[in-house]
Amino acid sequence: MTTFAELTTIGVGGPIARFIEPTTRVGVIEAVEEADAKGLPLCVIGGGSNMLVSDTPFPGIVVRDARRAITVPDEAAPVEGGDRTVHINAEAGCNWDDFVAFTVELGLEGVEGLSGIPGTVGASVVQNIGAYGQEVGASVESVEVWDRRDKRTTELTPDDLRFGYRSSALKSSMYAAPATPAAEFFPTPRYVVLSVTFALRHSATGTVGYGQLAKALGVEVGDRMETRAIRNAVLKVRASKGMLEDAARYLGPAMAGTKRDDQVRIALRAQYGDVADSLAVPETPGSDSDTSVAAERLVSNTADTELVSQSTAASAVTVDSGIAPDYDRHSCGSFFMNPILTAEQAARLPEDAPRFDAALPDGTPGVKTSAAWLIDHAGFHKGFKTSEDATASLSTMHTLALTNRGGASAADVAELARAVQDGVEAAYGVRLVPEPVVVGMDLR
């Protein structure tokens, strides 16, 4: 039986009643429609990097898009004196970092700062992922979606998508209020992403748009550098904070073939060094064109099914190679969003609290502060646990990541999250909102 523990980067979550991996566009739509027609819970999952799912059995259908093609409808080479825009289309199931690597290899600028973010192309636009001075929404030309309400495909423009800080119209359709699921569409948006068309720029250089990145490159913010150098620097900075996924997860059967083999090998070598050469990377299954029907894993919903232990692949690395899994990478990434406050709320923070101009949900001026700063200054430091023997803790490298230290359950992670939320609220009057999609638990 497939479990969310096998499919998510944090390695927790219960068994799934039915897990489907469609290999065609029609197959994705049919799988979604089947769940909706039968009134079953539906979860469309990408890389499993932005989800925290309860330990109880999921009684519905989980769909993971197995289509991963990237196409270039334009002339990839720049036209002398002409427009340097290049459009790239990627199917929703394409691994996000595979897509970034592809664009950098092709000599394109626009998403290099988003290197190393786990997940898929489809999920990237739901969350409007961002890092190191870039957000995906700035490079999106259009998104093809299946509208679950109107039962049709449609193209959404950036105006339709209403991109904001870690938000979009897609994500908003899932929530009645922050961290409060909507009655009709949750944990999957009204609009299911089928593919994304990006508008990138043909250029071998990109702009260094973030201070920490500029420091790593030895340049100033605003300077231009080769996109390859920017990508490499981003990956190194993310690794130094434990904010990359554990590459060993792709050695397990549940994740095999979901990321380019060459990129898996590169990530394994960066993480584990020379020992990675002895690790066998599972071969990628046949291409989508080889199969015309959805590949399905059908499992029964039994309440007494034992959960598959998390981080199976990483544990295998430990056994086979004598190295320990990097538990700081067994997380959902940044667990809490940076709060955007009113001027009155921000005025109650200590003078040295970070403050940045931002827009509130209603469009009026607000003040963004740092969730990591609030967590640390409320007394929750790197490595914090709720008890000495707790199996979930804050990362030992970054206070914003909640990690599975081996054998944690979703309930353990939720207990840690609530402790941090309650402590920050008691200290500063700010209730932190989870960034991941939380299924089967209440973390408001």
Protein backbone atom coordinates (compact mmCIF):
# COMPACT_ATOMS: atom_id res chain seq x y z
CA MET A 1 0.00 0.00 0.00
CA THR A 2 1.37 3.40 -0.99
CA THR A 3 1.60 5.93 1.83
CA PHE A 4 2.17 9.66 2.00
CA ALA A 5 5.31 8.83 3.99
CA GLU A 6 6.77 7.38 0.77
CA LEU A 7 5.72 10.33 -1.39
CA THR A 8 6.65 13.35 0.75
CA THR A 9 10.01 14.94 1.54
CA ILE A 10 9.28 14.98 5.27
CA GLY A 11 8.49 11.26 5.21
CA VAL A 12 5.25 11.14 7.21
CA GLY A 13 1.62 10.42 6.40
CA GLY A 14 -0.83 7.57 6.27
CA PRO A 15 -1.86 4.97 3.68
CA ILE A 16 -3.66 5.94 0.49
CA ALA A 17 -6.83 4.17 -0.63
CA ARG A 18 -6.01 4.61 -4.32
CA PHE A 19 -2.87 6.03 -5.94
CA ILE A 20 -2.92 6.80 -9.67
CA GLU A 21 -0.11 7.98 -11.95
CA PRO A 22 -1.66 9.00 -15.28
CA THR A 23 0.69 9.14 -18.24
CA THR A 24 -1.57 11.18 -20.55
CA ARG A 25 -3.37 14.51 -20.37
CA VAL A 26 -6.71 12.76 -20.75
CA GLY A 27 -5.71 10.33 -18.01
CA VAL A 28 -5.09 13.16 -15.55
CA ILE A 29 -8.50 14.69 -16.28
CA GLU A 30 -10.26 11.33 -16.03
CA ALA A 31 -8.65 10.56 -12.68
CA VAL A 32 -9.72 13.93 -11.28
CA GLU A 33 -13.20 13.54 -12.71
CA GLU A 34 -13.57 10.07 -11.23
CA ALA A 35 -12.87 11.35 -7.73
CA ASP A 36 -15.21 14.32 -8.14
CA ALA A 37 -18.01 12.25 -9.68
CA LYS A 38 -17.87 9.77 -6.81
CA GLY A 39 -17.57 12.47 -4.14
CA LEU A 40 -14.22 11.09 -3.00
CA PRO A 41 -11.46 13.16 -1.41
CA LEU A 42 -8.94 14.16 -4.09
CA CYS A 43 -5.28 15.00 -3.66
CA VAL A 44 -3.22 15.92 -6.70
CA ILE A 45 0.37 15.62 -5.51
CA GLY A 46 3.57 16.85 -7.10
CA GLY A 47 6.94 16.17 -5.50
CA GLY A 48 5.41 15.91 -2.04
CA SER A 49 7.62 18.73 -0.75
CA ASN A 50 4.92 21.09 0.44
CA MET A 51 2.54 18.75 2.23
CA LEU A 52 1.97 17.55 5.78
CA VAL A 53 -0.60 14.76 5.81
CA SER A 54 -2.02 13.04 8.89
CA ASP A 55 -1.19 9.47 9.87
CA THR A 56 -4.75 8.26 9.35
CA PRO A 57 -5.72 6.49 6.08
CA PHE A 58 -6.63 8.81 3.19
CA PRO A 59 -9.97 7.43 1.90
CA GLY A 60 -9.89 9.01 -1.54
CA ILE A 61 -7.78 9.19 -4.69
CA VAL A 62 -4.24 10.57 -4.91
CA VAL A 63 -3.13 11.56 -8.42
CA ARG A 64 0.50 12.12 -9.38
CA ASP A 65 0.93 13.36 -12.96
CA ALA A 66 3.55 11.16 -14.67
CA ARG A 67 3.88 13.48 -17.71
CA ARG A 68 7.21 15.30 -17.65
CA ALA A 69 7.83 16.60 -21.17
CA ILE A 70 9.44 19.99 -21.84
CA THR A 71 9.00 21.56 -25.27
CA VAL A 72 10.32 24.71 -26.91
CA PRO A 73 7.75 26.06 -29.39
CA ASP A 74 9.95 29.05 -30.31
CA GLU A 75 13.33 29.30 -31.98
CA ALA A 76 15.70 28.64 -29.07
CA ALA A 77 18.61 30.56 -30.64
CA PRO A 78 18.36 34.36 -30.40
CA VAL A 79 17.51 36.30 -33.51
CA GLU A 80 20.03 39.06 -34.11
CA GLY A 81 18.45 42.37 -33.19
CA GLY A 82 15.14 40.68 -32.42
CA ASP A 83 13.07 39.79 -29.40
CA ARG A 84 15.08 37.57 -27.03
CA THR A 85 11.99 36.02 -25.45
CA VAL A 86 11.80 32.23 -25.58
CA HIS A 87 8.66 30.33 -24.64
CA ILE A 88 9.03 26.99 -22.88
CA ASN A 89 6.13 24.63 -22.15
CA ALA A 90 6.40 22.05 -19.39
CA GLU A 91 3.87 19.41 -18.38
CA ALA A 92 2.66 19.62 -14.80
CA GLY A 93 4.45 16.48 -13.63
CA CYS A 94 7.89 17.69 -14.68
CA ASN A 95 10.33 17.90 -11.76
CA TRP A 96 10.87 21.59 -11.04
CA ASP A 97 14.65 21.47 -10.69
CA ASP A 98 14.87 19.39 -13.87
CA PHE A 99 13.06 22.25 -15.59
CA VAL A 100 15.44 24.85 -14.15
CA ALA A 101 18.45 22.79 -15.21
CA PHE A 102 17.00 22.49 -18.73
CA THR A 103 16.56 26.25 -19.07
CA VAL A 104 20.07 26.99 -17.84
CA GLU A 105 21.52 24.38 -20.20
CA LEU A 106 19.60 26.05 -23.04
CA GLY A 107 21.08 29.45 -22.18
CA LEU A 108 17.90 31.04 -20.81
CA GLU A 109 17.43 33.52 -17.98
CA GLY A 110 14.47 33.83 -15.62
CA VAL A 111 14.27 30.94 -13.13
CA GLU A 112 17.91 30.19 -12.23
CA GLY A 113 17.41 31.66 -8.74
CA LEU A 114 14.73 29.03 -8.10
CA SER A 115 17.21 26.16 -8.41
CA GLY A 116 16.95 23.37 -5.88
CA ILE A 117 13.34 23.93 -4.87
CA PRO A 118 11.75 20.48 -4.66
CA GLY A 119 8.43 19.77 -6.32
CA THR A 120 6.94 19.92 -9.80
CA VAL A 121 6.16 22.52 -12.43
CA GLY A 122 2.44 22.16 -11.71
CA ALA A 123 2.88 22.82 -8.01
CA SER A 124 5.22 25.77 -8.63
CA VAL A 125 2.43 28.00 -9.91
CA VAL A 126 -0.03 26.99 -7.20
CA GLN A 127 2.41 28.12 -4.51
CA ASN A 128 4.10 30.85 -6.57
CA ILE A 129 7.43 29.57 -5.37
CA GLY A 130 10.14 32.13 -4.81
CA ALA A 131 13.71 32.47 -3.59
CA TYR A 132 16.82 34.59 -3.99
CA GLY A 133 15.10 37.49 -5.70
CA GLN A 134 12.87 35.56 -8.11
CA GLU A 135 9.30 34.27 -8.10
CA VAL A 136 7.90 31.85 -10.62
CA GLY A 137 4.91 34.10 -11.33
CA ALA A 138 7.19 36.67 -12.97
CA SER A 139 8.08 34.18 -15.72
CA VAL A 140 4.69 32.59 -16.38
CA GLU A 141 3.03 33.30 -19.73
CA SER A 142 -0.02 31.06 -19.22
CA VAL A 143 -1.23 27.96 -17.38
CA GLU A 144 -3.44 25.28 -18.89
CA VAL A 145 -5.82 23.89 -16.27
CA TRP A 146 -8.77 21.58 -15.81
CA ASP A 147 -11.62 23.51 -14.18
CA ARG A 148 -13.26 21.09 -11.74
CA ARG A 149 -16.34 23.28 -11.37
CA ASP A 150 -17.07 24.05 -15.02
CA LYS A 151 -15.73 20.70 -16.30
CA ARG A 152 -13.54 22.12 -19.05
CA THR A 153 -9.95 22.98 -19.86
CA THR A 154 -8.96 26.62 -20.01
CA GLU A 155 -5.91 28.87 -20.24
CA LEU A 156 -5.23 31.18 -17.31
CA THR A 157 -3.15 34.33 -17.72
CA PRO A 158 -1.00 35.92 -14.99
CA ASP A 159 -3.86 38.37 -14.38
CA ASP A 160 -6.23 35.43 -13.86
CA LEU A 161 -3.73 33.73 -11.56
CA ARG A 162 -3.35 36.76 -9.24
CA PHE A 163 0.11 35.82 -8.07
CA GLY A 164 1.14 37.09 -4.63
CA TYR A 165 3.58 36.16 -1.89
CA ARG A 166 3.43 32.32 -1.84
CA SER A 167 -0.08 32.51 -3.23
CA SER A 168 -2.15 32.39 -6.39
CA ALA A 169 -5.80 32.16 -7.40
CA LEU A 170 -5.23 28.39 -7.58
CA LYS A 171 -4.12 28.19 -3.96
CA SER A 172 -6.77 30.66 -2.79
CA SER A 173 -9.50 28.37 -4.11
CA MET A 174 -8.50 25.83 -1.44
CA TYR A 175 -8.90 28.13 1.56
CA ALA A 176 -11.78 29.97 3.24
CA ALA A 177 -9.25 31.83 5.43
CA PRO A 178 -5.53 31.39 6.20
CA ALA A 179 -4.93 27.71 7.07
CA THR A 180 -8.72 27.09 6.98
CA PRO A 181 -9.69 24.63 4.21
CA ALA A 182 -12.51 25.60 1.86
CA ALA A 183 -15.58 23.38 1.85
CA GLU A 184 -15.58 22.66 -1.89
CA PHE A 185 -11.97 22.38 -3.03
CA PHE A 186 -9.37 20.95 -0.64
CA PRO A 187 -6.66 19.68 -0.66
CA THR A 188 -6.72 20.14 -4.44
CA PRO A 189 -7.54 23.50 -6.06
CA ARG A 190 -10.54 24.13 -8.27
CA TYR A 191 -8.10 24.39 -11.18
CA VAL A 192 -5.82 21.38 -11.71
CA VAL A 193 -2.66 22.37 -13.57
CA LEU A 194 -2.04 20.44 -16.79
CA SER A 195 0.90 22.41 -18.19
CA VAL A 196 2.66 25.75 -17.84
CA THR A 197 4.09 28.01 -20.55
CA PHE A 198 6.95 30.24 -19.43
CA ALA A 199 8.36 33.35 -21.12
CA LEU A 200 12.11 33.38 -20.49
CA ARG A 201 14.91 35.45 -21.99
CA HIS A 202 17.74 34.14 -24.11
CA SER A 203 20.79 35.15 -22.10
CA ALA A 204 23.76 33.32 -20.65
CA THR A 205 23.78 35.77 -17.74
CA GLY A 206 21.25 36.64 -15.07
CA THR A 207 20.82 39.28 -12.38
CA VAL A 208 21.99 38.53 -8.85
CA GLY A 209 18.94 39.71 -6.93
CA TYR A 210 19.57 38.73 -3.31
CA GLY A 211 22.18 39.74 -0.74
CA GLN A 212 23.09 36.28 0.50
CA LEU A 213 23.51 35.08 -3.07
CA ALA A 214 25.64 38.09 -3.97
CA LYS A 215 27.89 37.37 -0.99
CA ALA A 216 28.31 33.75 -2.07
CA LEU A 217 29.29 34.91 -5.57
CA GLY A 218 31.52 37.75 -4.37
CA VAL A 219 29.53 40.40 -6.26
CA GLU A 220 27.01 43.14 -5.55
CA VAL A 221 23.23 42.85 -5.69
CA GLY A 222 22.16 43.85 -9.19
CA ASP A 223 25.34 42.57 -10.86
CA ARG A 224 25.02 40.13 -13.74
CA MET A 225 26.65 36.71 -13.68
CA GLU A 226 26.46 33.55 -15.76
CA THR A 227 23.20 31.74 -15.04
CA ARG A 228 25.19 28.52 -14.47
CA ALA A 229 27.19 30.26 -11.74
CA ILE A 230 24.01 31.63 -10.17
CA ARG A 231 22.41 28.18 -10.20
CA ASN A 232 25.45 26.56 -8.62
CA ALA A 233 25.66 29.24 -5.94
CA VAL A 234 21.96 28.87 -5.11
CA LEU A 235 22.37 25.11 -4.71
CA LYS A 236 25.37 25.59 -2.43
CA VAL A 237 23.61 28.19 -0.27
CA ARG A 238 20.52 26.02 0.02
CA ALA A 239 22.65 23.00 0.95
CA SER A 240 24.44 25.00 3.65
CA LYS A 241 21.05 25.58 5.31
CA GLY A 242 19.69 22.07 4.81
CA MET A 243 17.10 23.47 2.40
CA LEU A 244 17.50 20.85 -0.32
CA GLU A 245 15.65 17.55 -0.45
CA ASP A 246 17.49 14.33 0.38
CA ALA A 247 18.54 13.02 -3.04
CA ALA A 248 18.42 9.46 -1.71
CA ARG A 249 14.63 9.55 -1.83
CA TYR A 250 14.88 8.98 -5.60
CA LEU A 251 16.49 5.60 -4.97
CA GLY A 252 13.23 4.24 -3.56
CA PRO A 253 10.53 2.67 -5.74
CA ALA A 254 7.89 5.32 -4.94
CA MET A 255 10.05 8.13 -6.39
CA ALA A 256 12.09 6.28 -9.02
CA GLY A 257 11.88 7.93 -12.44
CA THR A 258 10.29 11.16 -11.22
CA LYS A 259 13.54 13.12 -11.67
CA ARG A 260 16.11 13.04 -14.48
CA ASP A 261 18.68 10.31 -13.87
CA ASP A 262 21.61 12.65 -14.53
CA GLN A 263 20.24 15.21 -12.07
CA VAL A 264 19.74 12.50 -9.43
CA ARG A 265 23.38 11.47 -9.83
CA ILE A 266 24.58 15.08 -9.61
CA ALA A 267 22.53 15.65 -6.45
CA LEU A 268 23.71 12.39 -4.85
CA ARG A 269 27.35 13.26 -5.51
CA ALA A 270 26.91 16.79 -4.12
CA GLN A 271 25.27 15.40 -0.98
CA TYR A 272 27.20 12.19 -0.33
CA GLY A 273 30.50 12.70 -2.13
CA ASP A 274 32.40 9.83 -3.71
CA VAL A 275 30.24 7.21 -2.00
CA ALA A 276 27.42 8.25 -4.37
CA ASP A 277 29.23 6.50 -7.20
CA SER A 278 28.37 3.16 -5.60
CA LEU A 279 24.65 3.92 -5.38
CA ALA A 280 22.39 2.44 -8.03
CA VAL A 281 20.00 4.97 -9.55
CA PRO A 282 16.82 3.19 -10.73
CA GLU A 283 16.32 3.48 -14.46
CA THR A 284 13.62 5.86 -15.62
CA PRO A 285 10.52 3.97 -16.81
CA GLY A 286 9.49 4.15 -20.48
CA SER A 287 8.50 7.47 -21.94
CA ASP A 288 4.92 8.70 -21.98
CA SER A 289 4.64 7.86 -25.68
CA ASP A 290 5.15 4.16 -24.87
CA THR A 291 1.95 4.03 -22.84
CA SER A 292 -1.54 5.19 -23.75
CA VAL A 293 -3.31 4.30 -20.53
CA ALA A 294 -2.80 5.46 -16.98
CA ALA A 295 -0.48 3.42 -14.84
CA GLU A 296 -2.29 2.81 -11.59
CA ARG A 297 -1.46 1.46 -8.19
CA LEU A 298 -4.65 0.22 -6.61
CA VAL A 299 -4.56 -0.47 -2.90
CA SER A 300 -7.25 -1.31 -0.40
CA ASN A 301 -8.25 1.00 2.40
CA THR A 302 -7.58 -0.93 5.60
CA ALA A 303 -7.40 0.92 8.88
CA ASP A 304 -4.91 -1.49 10.44
CA THR A 305 -2.33 -1.23 7.65
CA GLU A 306 1.11 -0.57 9.09
CA LEU A 307 2.70 2.64 7.86
CA VAL A 308 5.77 2.28 5.71
CA SER A 309 8.69 3.71 7.63
CA GLN A 310 9.79 7.11 6.38
CA SER A 311 13.01 7.81 4.49
CA THR A 312 13.28 4.22 3.27
CA ALA A 313 15.77 5.09 0.55
CA ALA A 314 17.93 7.23 2.83
CA SER A 315 17.98 4.44 5.40
CA ALA A 316 19.16 2.06 2.70
CA VAL A 317 22.02 4.44 1.95
CA THR A 318 22.97 4.26 5.64
CA VAL A 319 23.00 0.46 5.61
CA ASP A 320 24.80 0.05 2.30
CA SER A 321 27.33 2.84 2.59
CA GLY A 322 27.85 3.46 6.29
CA ILE A 323 26.67 7.07 6.13
CA ALA A 324 23.80 8.59 8.03
CA PRO A 325 20.81 10.21 6.34
CA ASP A 326 20.82 14.01 6.43
CA TYR A 327 17.73 14.50 8.56
CA ASP A 328 17.90 18.27 8.16
CA ARG A 329 16.69 17.63 4.60
CA HIS A 330 13.70 15.56 5.77
CA SER A 331 11.33 18.49 5.92
CA CYS A 332 8.69 20.47 4.05
CA GLY A 333 11.18 23.26 3.45
CA SER A 334 10.12 26.55 5.01
CA PHE A 335 7.25 25.52 7.26
CA PHE A 336 5.83 28.95 8.11
CA MET A 337 5.15 31.90 5.84
CA ASN A 338 6.67 35.27 6.65
CA PRO A 339 3.83 37.24 8.28
CA ILE A 340 2.51 40.34 6.53
CA LEU A 341 1.24 42.67 9.23
CA THR A 342 -0.63 45.94 9.50
CA ALA A 343 1.41 48.97 10.52
CA GLU A 344 -0.17 48.76 13.97
CA GLN A 345 0.83 45.11 14.41
CA ALA A 346 4.34 45.77 13.17
CA ALA A 347 4.74 48.66 15.61
CA ARG A 348 4.37 46.20 18.48
CA LEU A 349 7.39 44.18 17.38
CA PRO A 350 10.83 44.84 18.86
CA GLU A 351 12.81 47.57 17.11
CA ASP A 352 15.32 45.11 15.69
CA ALA A 353 12.69 42.86 14.11
CA PRO A 354 13.05 42.74 10.30
CA ARG A 355 10.61 44.92 8.40
CA PHE A 356 9.95 45.05 4.66
CA ASP A 357 7.31 46.83 2.61
CA ALA A 358 4.58 44.46 1.45
CA ALA A 359 0.93 44.34 0.45
CA LEU A 360 -1.81 42.94 2.66
CA PRO A 361 -4.32 40.49 1.12
CA ASP A 362 -6.69 43.38 0.41
CA GLY A 363 -3.97 45.26 -1.48
CA THR A 364 -3.35 47.91 1.16
CA PRO A 365 0.22 48.61 2.38
CA GLY A 366 1.56 46.23 5.00
CA VAL A 367 4.79 45.21 6.66
CA LYS A 368 6.43 41.82 6.13
CA THR A 369 8.58 40.41 8.91
CA SER A 370 10.69 37.27 9.19
CA ALA A 371 9.10 34.11 10.56
CA ALA A 372 12.57 32.68 11.22
CA TRP A 373 13.48 35.75 13.30
CA LEU A 374 10.26 35.52 15.32
CA ILE A 375 10.79 31.81 15.95
CA ASP A 376 14.38 32.23 17.08
CA HIS A 377 13.71 35.27 19.27
CA ALA A 378 10.73 33.57 20.88
CA GLY A 379 13.16 30.99 22.22
CA PHE A 380 12.90 28.25 19.59
CA HIS A 381 16.45 27.80 18.39
CA LYS A 382 18.00 25.47 15.84
CA GLY A 383 17.43 21.84 16.82
CA PHE A 384 14.58 22.61 19.24
CA LYS A 385 12.52 19.60 20.32
CA THR A 386 9.41 19.45 22.46
CA SER A 387 11.12 16.74 24.54
CA GLU A 388 14.50 15.07 24.73
CA ASP A 389 13.32 11.93 22.94
CA ALA A 390 11.13 13.67 20.35
CA THR A 391 11.58 12.41 16.79
CA ALA A 392 10.65 15.78 15.22
CA SER A 393 12.69 18.94 15.70
CA LEU A 394 13.57 22.25 14.17
CA SER A 395 16.40 21.84 11.70
CA THR A 396 19.86 22.07 13.24
CA MET A 397 20.71 24.51 10.44
CA HIS A 398 17.58 26.65 10.02
CA THR A 399 14.79 27.56 12.44
CA LEU A 400 12.16 27.76 9.70
CA ALA A 401 12.30 24.06 8.82
CA LEU A 402 10.54 21.35 10.86
CA THR A 403 12.30 18.03 10.37
CA ASN A 404 11.72 14.32 10.78
CA ARG A 405 14.71 12.96 12.68
CA GLY A 406 13.83 9.36 11.86
CA GLY A 407 10.61 7.58 12.77
CA ALA A 408 8.51 10.69 13.38
CA SER A 409 4.78 10.63 12.70
CA ALA A 410 2.68 13.44 11.30
CA ALA A 411 1.29 13.93 14.81
CA ASP A 412 4.85 14.48 16.10
CA VAL A 413 5.49 17.15 13.48
CA ALA A 414 2.14 18.81 14.23
CA GLU A 415 2.95 18.89 17.95
CA LEU A 416 6.19 20.70 17.19
CA ALA A 417 4.43 23.14 14.84
CA ARG A 418 1.81 24.02 17.47
CA ALA A 419 4.50 24.56 20.11
CA VAL A 420 6.25 27.06 17.83
CA GLN A 421 2.99 28.78 16.84
CA ASP A 422 1.86 29.12 20.46
CA GLY A 423 5.26 30.40 21.60
CA VAL A 424 5.56 33.04 18.88
CA GLU A 425 2.00 34.19 19.47
CA ALA A 426 2.61 34.49 23.23
CA ALA A 427 5.80 36.50 22.64
CA TYR A 428 4.74 38.77 19.76
CA GLY A 429 0.98 38.43 19.20
CA VAL A 430 1.54 36.96 15.72
CA ARG A 431 0.03 33.60 14.74
CA LEU A 432 2.27 31.92 12.19
CA VAL A 433 0.53 30.34 9.20
CA PRO A 434 1.87 27.05 7.77
CA GLU A 435 3.22 27.21 4.23
CA PRO A 436 2.60 23.51 3.40
CA VAL A 437 -0.83 22.12 2.61
CA VAL A 438 -1.93 20.45 5.87
CA VAL A 439 -4.30 17.53 5.35
CA GLY A 440 -6.26 15.85 8.13
CA MET A 441 -4.95 18.10 10.91
CA ASP A 442 -5.73 21.59 12.16
CA LEU A 443 -2.75 23.95 12.44
CA ARG A 444 -4.57 27.26 12.47
